[in-house]
Amino acid sequence: MNEEEYEELARWLPCHPGRWVAWPEPFGTRAEADALFESLRDGGLESFKVDSAALRWRIDEFKSIVDGRGLIWMEVSCAW
Protein backbone atom coordinates (compact mmCIF):
# COMPACT_ATOMS: atom_id res chain seq x y z
CA MET A 1 0.00 0.00 0.00
CA ASN A 2 1.14 3.54 -0.57
CA GLU A 3 1.03 6.42 1.93
CA GLU A 4 -2.31 7.74 0.63
CA GLU A 5 -3.97 4.35 1.01
CA TYR A 6 -2.73 4.02 4.59
CA GLU A 7 -3.97 7.52 5.38
CA GLU A 8 -7.37 6.89 3.80
CA LEU A 9 -7.84 3.65 5.75
CA ALA A 10 -6.78 5.34 9.00
CA ARG A 11 -9.45 8.02 8.43
CA TRP A 12 -12.09 5.46 7.47
CA LEU A 13 -11.70 3.15 10.51
CA PRO A 14 -12.93 5.59 13.23
CA CYS A 15 -15.98 6.45 11.10
CA HIS A 16 -17.01 2.78 11.25
CA PRO A 17 -16.25 1.71 14.84
CA GLY A 18 -16.43 -2.00 15.52
CA ARG A 19 -16.65 -2.93 11.85
CA TRP A 20 -14.06 -5.43 10.69
CA VAL A 21 -12.51 -4.59 7.33
CA ALA A 22 -10.32 -6.91 5.30
CA TRP A 23 -6.77 -5.64 4.96
CA PRO A 24 -6.12 -4.90 1.28
CA GLU A 25 -2.91 -6.93 1.18
CA PRO A 26 -2.48 -10.58 2.18
CA PHE A 27 0.20 -11.94 4.50
CA GLY A 28 2.18 -15.13 4.15
CA THR A 29 2.60 -15.73 7.89
CA ARG A 30 1.02 -14.73 11.18
CA ALA A 31 4.33 -13.18 12.23
CA GLU A 32 4.35 -10.85 9.19
CA ALA A 33 0.82 -9.66 9.97
CA ASP A 34 1.50 -9.19 13.68
CA ALA A 35 4.71 -7.27 12.97
CA LEU A 36 2.94 -4.84 10.63
CA PHE A 37 -0.05 -4.24 12.90
CA GLU A 38 2.09 -3.84 16.01
CA SER A 39 4.14 -1.24 14.13
CA LEU A 40 0.99 0.57 12.95
CA ARG A 41 -0.47 0.48 16.45
CA ASP A 42 2.74 1.90 17.90
CA GLY A 43 2.89 4.80 15.42
CA GLY A 44 5.47 3.27 13.09
CA LEU A 45 3.92 4.86 10.00
CA GLU A 46 3.31 8.61 9.95
CA SER A 47 0.39 8.40 7.52
CA PHE A 48 -1.50 5.78 9.59
CA LYS A 49 -2.68 7.74 12.64
CA VAL A 50 -5.18 5.88 14.80
CA ASP A 51 -5.91 5.50 18.50
CA SER A 52 -3.48 2.75 19.45
CA ALA A 53 -5.75 1.50 22.25
CA ALA A 54 -8.63 1.02 19.81
CA LEU A 55 -6.85 -0.65 16.87
CA ARG A 56 -7.47 -4.40 16.73
CA TRP A 57 -6.65 -7.05 14.17
CA ARG A 58 -7.47 -10.68 13.68
CA ILE A 59 -5.98 -13.33 11.49
CA ASP A 60 -8.24 -15.91 9.92
CA GLU A 61 -5.98 -18.76 8.90
CA PHE A 62 -8.99 -20.67 7.61
CA LYS A 63 -9.79 -17.98 5.03
CA SER A 64 -6.78 -18.31 2.86
CA ILE A 65 -6.14 -16.99 -0.60
CA VAL A 66 -4.11 -18.80 -3.23
CA ASP A 67 -2.36 -16.40 -5.58
CA GLY A 68 -1.29 -16.96 -9.19
CA ARG A 69 2.02 -18.41 -8.05
CA GLY A 70 0.30 -20.99 -5.85
CA LEU A 71 1.29 -19.27 -2.60
CA ILE A 72 -1.21 -19.33 0.24
CA TRP A 73 -1.98 -16.04 2.00
CA MET A 74 -3.95 -15.43 5.18
CA GLU A 75 -6.78 -12.94 5.31
CA VAL A 76 -6.33 -10.29 7.98
CA SER A 77 -8.97 -7.87 9.20
CA CYS A 78 -8.67 -4.80 11.36
CA ALA A 79 -11.12 -2.65 13.29
CA TRP A 80 -11.11 0.48 15.40
PDB file of N, CA and C in Angstrom:
ATOM      1  N   MET A   1       0.848  -1.182   0.000  1.00  0.00           N
ATOM      2  CA  MET A   1       0.000   0.000   0.000  1.00  0.00           C
ATOM      3  C   MET A   1       0.887   1.236   0.000  1.00  0.00           C
ATOM      4  N   ASN A   2       0.377   2.296  -0.598  1.00  0.00           N
ATOM      5  CA  ASN A   2       1.136   3.537  -0.572  1.00  0.00           C
ATOM      6  C   ASN A   2       0.652   4.421   0.586  1.00  0.00           C
ATOM      7  N   GLU A   3       1.331   5.528   0.795  1.00  0.00           N
ATOM      8  CA  GLU A   3       1.034   6.417   1.930  1.00  0.00           C
ATOM      9  C   GLU A   3      -0.417   6.899   1.910  1.00  0.00           C
ATOM     10  N   GLU A   4      -0.931   7.251   0.735  1.00  0.00           N
ATOM     11  CA  GLU A   4      -2.310   7.743   0.633  1.00  0.00           C
ATOM     12  C   GLU A   4      -3.315   6.671   1.033  1.00  0.00           C
ATOM     13  N   GLU A   5      -3.058   5.436   0.650  1.00  0.00           N
ATOM     14  CA  GLU A   5      -3.969   4.347   1.006  1.00  0.00           C
ATOM     15  C   GLU A   5      -3.968   4.097   2.511  1.00  0.00           C
ATOM     16  N   TYR A   6      -2.798   4.155   3.133  1.00  0.00           N
ATOM     17  CA  TYR A   6      -2.730   4.017   4.593  1.00  0.00           C
ATOM     18  C   TYR A   6      -3.503   5.147   5.270  1.00  0.00           C
ATOM     19  N   GLU A   7      -3.301   6.366   4.791  1.00  0.00           N
ATOM     20  CA  GLU A   7      -3.968   7.524   5.385  1.00  0.00           C
ATOM     21  C   GLU A   7      -5.480   7.425   5.224  1.00  0.00           C
ATOM     22  N   GLU A   8      -5.938   7.033   4.049  1.00  0.00           N
ATOM     23  CA  GLU A   8      -7.373   6.891   3.797  1.00  0.00           C
ATOM     24  C   GLU A   8      -7.992   5.834   4.716  1.00  0.00           C
ATOM     25  N   LEU A   9      -7.324   4.705   4.870  1.00  0.00           N
ATOM     26  CA  LEU A   9      -7.838   3.651   5.747  1.00  0.00           C
ATOM     27  C   LEU A   9      -7.855   4.111   7.203  1.00  0.00           C
ATOM     28  N   ALA A  10      -6.828   4.835   7.619  1.00  0.00           N
ATOM     29  CA  ALA A  10      -6.781   5.341   8.996  1.00  0.00           C
ATOM     30  C   ALA A  10      -7.919   6.322   9.257  1.00  0.00           C
ATOM     31  N   ARG A  11      -8.312   7.101   8.269  1.00  0.00           N
ATOM     32  CA  ARG A  11      -9.449   8.025   8.433  1.00  0.00           C
ATOM     33  C   ARG A  11     -10.775   7.272   8.406  1.00  0.00           C
ATOM     34  N   TRP A  12     -10.853   6.205   7.633  1.00  0.00           N
ATOM     35  CA  TRP A  12     -12.090   5.455   7.475  1.00  0.00           C
ATOM     36  C   TRP A  12     -12.440   4.662   8.733  1.00  0.00           C
ATOM     37  N   LEU A  13     -11.448   4.044   9.371  1.00  0.00           N
ATOM     38  CA  LEU A  13     -11.704   3.152  10.512  1.00  0.00           C
ATOM     39  C   LEU A  13     -12.512   3.801  11.632  1.00  0.00           C
ATOM     40  N   PRO A  14     -12.154   5.004  12.136  1.00  0.00           N
ATOM     41  CA  PRO A  14     -12.928   5.593  13.230  1.00  0.00           C
ATOM     42  C   PRO A  14     -14.359   5.964  12.843  1.00  0.00           C
ATOM     43  N   CYS A  15     -14.619   6.135  11.556  1.00  0.00           N
ATOM     44  CA  CYS A  15     -15.978   6.448  11.097  1.00  0.00           C
ATOM     45  C   CYS A  15     -16.871   5.211  11.092  1.00  0.00           C
ATOM     46  N   HIS A  16     -16.283   4.052  11.255  1.00  0.00           N
ATOM     47  CA  HIS A  16     -17.013   2.780  11.249  1.00  0.00           C
ATOM     48  C   HIS A  16     -16.558   1.933  12.437  1.00  0.00           C
ATOM     49  N   PRO A  17     -16.766   2.424  13.662  1.00  0.00           N
ATOM     50  CA  PRO A  17     -16.254   1.707  14.838  1.00  0.00           C
ATOM     51  C   PRO A  17     -16.848   0.305  14.962  1.00  0.00           C
ATOM     52  N   GLY A  18     -15.990  -0.627  15.305  1.00  0.00           N
ATOM     53  CA  GLY A  18     -16.426  -2.000  15.523  1.00  0.00           C
ATOM     54  C   GLY A  18     -16.602  -2.819  14.258  1.00  0.00           C
ATOM     55  N   ARG A  19     -16.470  -2.195  13.106  1.00  0.00           N
ATOM     56  CA  ARG A  19     -16.645  -2.926  11.846  1.00  0.00           C
ATOM     57  C   ARG A  19     -15.302  -3.488  11.395  1.00  0.00           C
ATOM     58  N   TRP A  20     -15.285  -4.775  11.146  1.00  0.00           N
ATOM     59  CA  TRP A  20     -14.060  -5.428  10.687  1.00  0.00           C
ATOM     60  C   TRP A  20     -13.937  -5.235   9.187  1.00  0.00           C
ATOM     61  N   VAL A  21     -12.775  -4.817   8.754  1.00  0.00           N
ATOM     62  CA  VAL A  21     -12.514  -4.595   7.331  1.00  0.00           C
ATOM     63  C   VAL A  21     -11.305  -5.433   6.921  1.00  0.00           C
ATOM     64  N   ALA A  22     -11.436  -6.088   5.782  1.00  0.00           N
ATOM     65  CA  ALA A  22     -10.325  -6.912   5.300  1.00  0.00           C
ATOM     66  C   ALA A  22      -9.161  -6.015   4.903  1.00  0.00           C
ATOM     67  N   TRP A  23      -7.975  -6.382   5.330  1.00  0.00           N
ATOM     68  CA  TRP A  23      -6.770  -5.642   4.961  1.00  0.00           C
ATOM     69  C   TRP A  23      -6.548  -5.847   3.472  1.00  0.00           C
ATOM     70  N   PRO A  24      -6.211  -4.781   2.740  1.00  0.00           N
ATOM     71  CA  PRO A  24      -6.123  -4.902   1.279  1.00  0.00           C
ATOM     72  C   PRO A  24      -4.947  -5.716   0.750  1.00  0.00           C
ATOM     73  N   GLU A  25      -4.045  -6.114   1.606  1.00  0.00           N
ATOM     74  CA  GLU A  25      -2.911  -6.932   1.177  1.00  0.00           C
ATOM     75  C   GLU A  25      -2.856  -8.195   2.025  1.00  0.00           C
ATOM     76  N   PRO A  26      -2.574  -9.339   1.407  1.00  0.00           N
ATOM     77  CA  PRO A  26      -2.484 -10.582   2.179  1.00  0.00           C
ATOM     78  C   PRO A  26      -1.118 -10.737   2.843  1.00  0.00           C
ATOM     79  N   PHE A  27      -1.043 -11.654   3.782  1.00  0.00           N
ATOM     80  CA  PHE A  27       0.196 -11.943   4.498  1.00  0.00           C
ATOM     81  C   PHE A  27       0.510 -13.422   4.363  1.00  0.00           C
ATOM     82  N   GLY A  28       1.771 -13.738   4.274  1.00  0.00           N
ATOM     83  CA  GLY A  28       2.184 -15.131   4.153  1.00  0.00           C
ATOM     84  C   GLY A  28       2.256 -15.855   5.479  1.00  0.00           C
ATOM     85  N   THR A  29       2.503 -15.104   6.573  1.00  0.00           N
ATOM     86  CA  THR A  29       2.604 -15.725   7.894  1.00  0.00           C
ATOM     87  C   THR A  29       1.939 -14.842   8.944  1.00  0.00           C
ATOM     88  N   ARG A  30       1.579 -15.468  10.043  1.00  0.00           N
ATOM     89  CA  ARG A  30       1.017 -14.733  11.182  1.00  0.00           C
ATOM     90  C   ARG A  30       2.029 -13.711  11.694  1.00  0.00           C
ATOM     91  N   ALA A  31       3.296 -14.080  11.724  1.00  0.00           N
ATOM     92  CA  ALA A  31       4.335 -13.180  12.230  1.00  0.00           C
ATOM     93  C   ALA A  31       4.436 -11.909  11.393  1.00  0.00           C
ATOM     94  N   GLU A  32       4.312 -12.030  10.062  1.00  0.00           N
ATOM     95  CA  GLU A  32       4.345 -10.851   9.195  1.00  0.00           C
ATOM     96  C   GLU A  32       3.191  -9.913   9.516  1.00  0.00           C
ATOM     97  N   ALA A  33       1.999 -10.475   9.668  1.00  0.00           N
ATOM     98  CA  ALA A  33       0.823  -9.658   9.965  1.00  0.00           C
ATOM     99  C   ALA A  33       0.964  -8.993  11.331  1.00  0.00           C
ATOM    100  N   ASP A  34       1.340  -9.755  12.339  1.00  0.00           N
ATOM    101  CA  ASP A  34       1.496  -9.187  13.679  1.00  0.00           C
ATOM    102  C   ASP A  34       2.542  -8.083  13.696  1.00  0.00           C
ATOM    103  N   ALA A  35       3.645  -8.281  12.997  1.00  0.00           N
ATOM    104  CA  ALA A  35       4.705  -7.267  12.974  1.00  0.00           C
ATOM    105  C   ALA A  35       4.202  -5.967  12.364  1.00  0.00           C
ATOM    106  N   LEU A  36       3.457  -6.061  11.261  1.00  0.00           N
ATOM    107  CA  LEU A  36       2.939  -4.843  10.635  1.00  0.00           C
ATOM    108  C   LEU A  36       1.951  -4.140  11.551  1.00  0.00           C
ATOM    109  N   PHE A  37       0.983  -4.874  12.093  1.00  0.00           N
ATOM    110  CA  PHE A  37      -0.051  -4.235  12.900  1.00  0.00           C
ATOM    111  C   PHE A  37       0.489  -3.706  14.225  1.00  0.00           C
ATOM    112  N   GLU A  38       1.459  -4.371  14.801  1.00  0.00           N
ATOM    113  CA  GLU A  38       2.091  -3.836  16.011  1.00  0.00           C
ATOM    114  C   GLU A  38       2.807  -2.529  15.694  1.00  0.00           C
ATOM    115  N   SER A  39       3.469  -2.470  14.553  1.00  0.00           N
ATOM    116  CA  SER A  39       4.140  -1.243  14.132  1.00  0.00           C
ATOM    117  C   SER A  39       3.129  -0.123  13.885  1.00  0.00           C
ATOM    118  N   LEU A  40       2.030  -0.434  13.197  1.00  0.00           N
ATOM    119  CA  LEU A  40       0.994   0.572  12.949  1.00  0.00           C
ATOM    120  C   LEU A  40       0.387   1.053  14.261  1.00  0.00           C
ATOM    121  N   ARG A  41       0.105   0.129  15.151  1.00  0.00           N
ATOM    122  CA  ARG A  41      -0.466   0.480  16.453  1.00  0.00           C
ATOM    123  C   ARG A  41       0.458   1.398  17.236  1.00  0.00           C
ATOM    124  N   ASP A  42       1.760   1.144  17.129  1.00  0.00           N
ATOM    125  CA  ASP A  42       2.740   1.903  17.903  1.00  0.00           C
ATOM    126  C   ASP A  42       3.221   3.166  17.202  1.00  0.00           C
ATOM    127  N   GLY A  43       2.546   3.558  16.104  1.00  0.00           N
ATOM    128  CA  GLY A  43       2.894   4.799  15.419  1.00  0.00           C
ATOM    129  C   GLY A  43       4.052   4.681  14.461  1.00  0.00           C
ATOM    130  N   GLY A  44       4.330   3.498  13.970  1.00  0.00           N
ATOM    131  CA  GLY A  44       5.468   3.271  13.092  1.00  0.00           C
ATOM    132  C   GLY A  44       5.328   3.834  11.690  1.00  0.00           C
ATOM    133  N   LEU A  45       4.130   4.283  11.329  1.00  0.00           N
ATOM    134  CA  LEU A  45       3.922   4.860  10.002  1.00  0.00           C
ATOM    135  C   LEU A  45       3.195   6.186  10.167  1.00  0.00           C
ATOM    136  N   GLU A  46       3.840   7.252   9.765  1.00  0.00           N
ATOM    137  CA  GLU A  46       3.315   8.607   9.952  1.00  0.00           C
ATOM    138  C   GLU A  46       1.920   8.791   9.349  1.00  0.00           C
ATOM    139  N   SER A  47       1.667   8.190   8.197  1.00  0.00           N
ATOM    140  CA  SER A  47       0.386   8.405   7.519  1.00  0.00           C
ATOM    141  C   SER A  47      -0.758   7.580   8.118  1.00  0.00           C
ATOM    142  N   PHE A  48      -0.462   6.619   8.987  1.00  0.00           N
ATOM    143  CA  PHE A  48      -1.502   5.783   9.586  1.00  0.00           C
ATOM    144  C   PHE A  48      -1.659   6.184  11.048  1.00  0.00           C
ATOM    145  N   LYS A  49      -2.461   7.212  11.292  1.00  0.00           N
ATOM    146  CA  LYS A  49      -2.677   7.740  12.640  1.00  0.00           C
ATOM    147  C   LYS A  49      -4.014   7.242  13.174  1.00  0.00           C
ATOM    148  N   VAL A  50      -3.973   6.372  14.157  1.00  0.00           N
ATOM    149  CA  VAL A  50      -5.185   5.879  14.804  1.00  0.00           C
ATOM    150  C   VAL A  50      -4.942   5.815  16.306  1.00  0.00           C
ATOM    151  N   ASP A  51      -6.011   5.684  17.054  1.00  0.00           N
ATOM    152  CA  ASP A  51      -5.912   5.498  18.501  1.00  0.00           C
ATOM    153  C   ASP A  51      -5.341   4.098  18.747  1.00  0.00           C
ATOM    154  N   SER A  52      -4.151   4.041  19.293  1.00  0.00           N
ATOM    155  CA  SER A  52      -3.483   2.748  19.455  1.00  0.00           C
ATOM    156  C   SER A  52      -4.241   1.806  20.380  1.00  0.00           C
ATOM    157  N   ALA A  53      -4.992   2.355  21.330  1.00  0.00           N
ATOM    158  CA  ALA A  53      -5.751   1.504  22.249  1.00  0.00           C
ATOM    159  C   ALA A  53      -6.970   0.889  21.565  1.00  0.00           C
ATOM    160  N   ALA A  54      -7.413   1.490  20.470  1.00  0.00           N
ATOM    161  CA  ALA A  54      -8.626   1.023  19.806  1.00  0.00           C
ATOM    162  C   ALA A  54      -8.358   0.115  18.606  1.00  0.00           C
ATOM    163  N   LEU A  55      -7.146   0.149  18.056  1.00  0.00           N
ATOM    164  CA  LEU A  55      -6.847  -0.653  16.870  1.00  0.00           C
ATOM    165  C   LEU A  55      -6.745  -2.130  17.237  1.00  0.00           C
ATOM    166  N   ARG A  56      -7.500  -2.947  16.520  1.00  0.00           N
ATOM    167  CA  ARG A  56      -7.467  -4.397  16.725  1.00  0.00           C
ATOM    168  C   ARG A  56      -7.285  -5.071  15.379  1.00  0.00           C
ATOM    169  N   TRP A  57      -6.757  -6.260  15.400  1.00  0.00           N
ATOM    170  CA  TRP A  57      -6.650  -7.050  14.173  1.00  0.00           C
ATOM    171  C   TRP A  57      -6.840  -8.500  14.508  1.00  0.00           C
ATOM    172  N   ARG A  58      -7.285  -9.235  13.509  1.00  0.00           N
ATOM    173  CA  ARG A  58      -7.469 -10.676  13.684  1.00  0.00           C
ATOM    174  C   ARG A  58      -6.998 -11.367  12.414  1.00  0.00           C
ATOM    175  N   ILE A  59      -6.517 -12.553  12.597  1.00  0.00           N
ATOM    176  CA  ILE A  59      -5.984 -13.330  11.491  1.00  0.00           C
ATOM    177  C   ILE A  59      -6.833 -14.580  11.345  1.00  0.00           C
ATOM    178  N   ASP A  60      -7.413 -14.738  10.185  1.00  0.00           N
ATOM    179  CA  ASP A  60      -8.242 -15.907   9.920  1.00  0.00           C
ATOM    180  C   ASP A  60      -7.461 -16.864   9.032  1.00  0.00           C
ATOM    181  N   GLU A  61      -6.801 -17.814   9.654  1.00  0.00           N
ATOM    182  CA  GLU A  61      -5.981 -18.760   8.903  1.00  0.00           C
ATOM    183  C   GLU A  61      -6.823 -19.729   8.085  1.00  0.00           C
ATOM    184  N   PHE A  62      -8.121 -19.762   8.353  1.00  0.00           N
ATOM    185  CA  PHE A  62      -8.986 -20.667   7.613  1.00  0.00           C
ATOM    186  C   PHE A  62      -9.557 -20.011   6.362  1.00  0.00           C
ATOM    187  N   LYS A  63      -9.394 -18.688   6.248  1.00  0.00           N
ATOM    188  CA  LYS A  63      -9.787 -17.978   5.034  1.00  0.00           C
ATOM    189  C   LYS A  63      -8.507 -17.642   4.304  1.00  0.00           C
ATOM    190  N   SER A  64      -8.035 -18.553   3.550  1.00  0.00           N
ATOM    191  CA  SER A  64      -6.775 -18.311   2.864  1.00  0.00           C
ATOM    192  C   SER A  64      -7.022 -18.041   1.385  1.00  0.00           C
ATOM    193  N   ILE A  65      -6.067 -17.382   0.792  1.00  0.00           N
ATOM    194  CA  ILE A  65      -6.138 -16.992  -0.603  1.00  0.00           C
ATOM    195  C   ILE A  65      -4.962 -17.663  -1.304  1.00  0.00           C
ATOM    196  N   VAL A  66      -5.203 -18.229  -2.447  1.00  0.00           N
ATOM    197  CA  VAL A  66      -4.109 -18.795  -3.229  1.00  0.00           C
ATOM    198  C   VAL A  66      -3.867 -17.860  -4.407  1.00  0.00           C
ATOM    199  N   ASP A  67      -2.649 -17.335  -4.499  1.00  0.00           N
ATOM    200  CA  ASP A  67      -2.355 -16.399  -5.585  1.00  0.00           C
ATOM    201  C   ASP A  67      -1.933 -17.137  -6.851  1.00  0.00           C
ATOM    202  N   GLY A  68      -1.635 -16.384  -7.895  1.00  0.00           N
ATOM    203  CA  GLY A  68      -1.285 -16.960  -9.188  1.00  0.00           C
ATOM    204  C   GLY A  68      -0.035 -17.814  -9.171  1.00  0.00           C
ATOM    205  N   ARG A  69       0.798 -17.615  -8.158  1.00  0.00           N
ATOM    206  CA  ARG A  69       2.021 -18.413  -8.049  1.00  0.00           C
ATOM    207  C   ARG A  69       1.816 -19.652  -7.189  1.00  0.00           C
ATOM    208  N   GLY A  70       0.587 -19.828  -6.687  1.00  0.00           N
ATOM    209  CA  GLY A  70       0.303 -20.985  -5.855  1.00  0.00           C
ATOM    210  C   GLY A  70       0.639 -20.787  -4.390  1.00  0.00           C
ATOM    211  N   LEU A  71       0.987 -19.553  -4.002  1.00  0.00           N
ATOM    212  CA  LEU A  71       1.290 -19.273  -2.600  1.00  0.00           C
ATOM    213  C   LEU A  71      -0.001 -19.043  -1.830  1.00  0.00           C
ATOM    214  N   ILE A  72      -0.035 -19.488  -0.607  1.00  0.00           N
ATOM    215  CA  ILE A  72      -1.212 -19.329   0.244  1.00  0.00           C
ATOM    216  C   ILE A  72      -1.008 -18.113   1.137  1.00  0.00           C
ATOM    217  N   TRP A  73      -2.024 -17.249   1.183  1.00  0.00           N
ATOM    218  CA  TRP A  73      -1.976 -16.041   2.000  1.00  0.00           C
ATOM    219  C   TRP A  73      -3.130 -16.068   2.989  1.00  0.00           C
ATOM    220  N   MET A  74      -2.902 -15.513   4.170  1.00  0.00           N
ATOM    221  CA  MET A  74      -3.951 -15.427   5.182  1.00  0.00           C
ATOM    222  C   MET A  74      -4.700 -14.115   5.042  1.00  0.00           C
ATOM    223  N   GLU A  75      -5.991 -14.158   5.299  1.00  0.00           N
ATOM    224  CA  GLU A  75      -6.785 -12.941   5.310  1.00  0.00           C
ATOM    225  C   GLU A  75      -6.682 -12.314   6.692  1.00  0.00           C
ATOM    226  N   VAL A  76      -6.439 -11.025   6.728  1.00  0.00           N
ATOM    227  CA  VAL A  76      -6.328 -10.292   7.985  1.00  0.00           C
ATOM    228  C   VAL A  76      -7.345  -9.167   7.965  1.00  0.00           C
ATOM    229  N   SER A  77      -8.015  -8.957   9.082  1.00  0.00           N
ATOM    230  CA  SER A  77      -8.974  -7.867   9.203  1.00  0.00           C
ATOM    231  C   SER A  77      -8.554  -6.966  10.345  1.00  0.00           C
ATOM    232  N   CYS A  78      -8.944  -5.706  10.253  1.00  0.00           N
ATOM    233  CA  CYS A  78      -8.667  -4.800  11.362  1.00  0.00           C
ATOM    234  C   CYS A  78      -9.920  -3.994  11.665  1.00  0.00           C
ATOM    235  N   ALA A  79      -9.978  -3.457  12.862  1.00  0.00           N
ATOM    236  CA  ALA A  79     -11.116  -2.649  13.295  1.00  0.00           C
ATOM    237  C   ALA A  79     -10.624  -1.611  14.274  1.00  0.00           C
ATOM    238  N   TRP A  80     -11.437  -0.586  14.460  1.00  0.00           N
ATOM    239  CA  TRP A  80     -11.105   0.481  15.398  1.00  0.00           C
ATOM    240  C   TRP A  80     -12.242   0.619  16.367  1.00  0.00           C
TER     241      TRP A  80
END
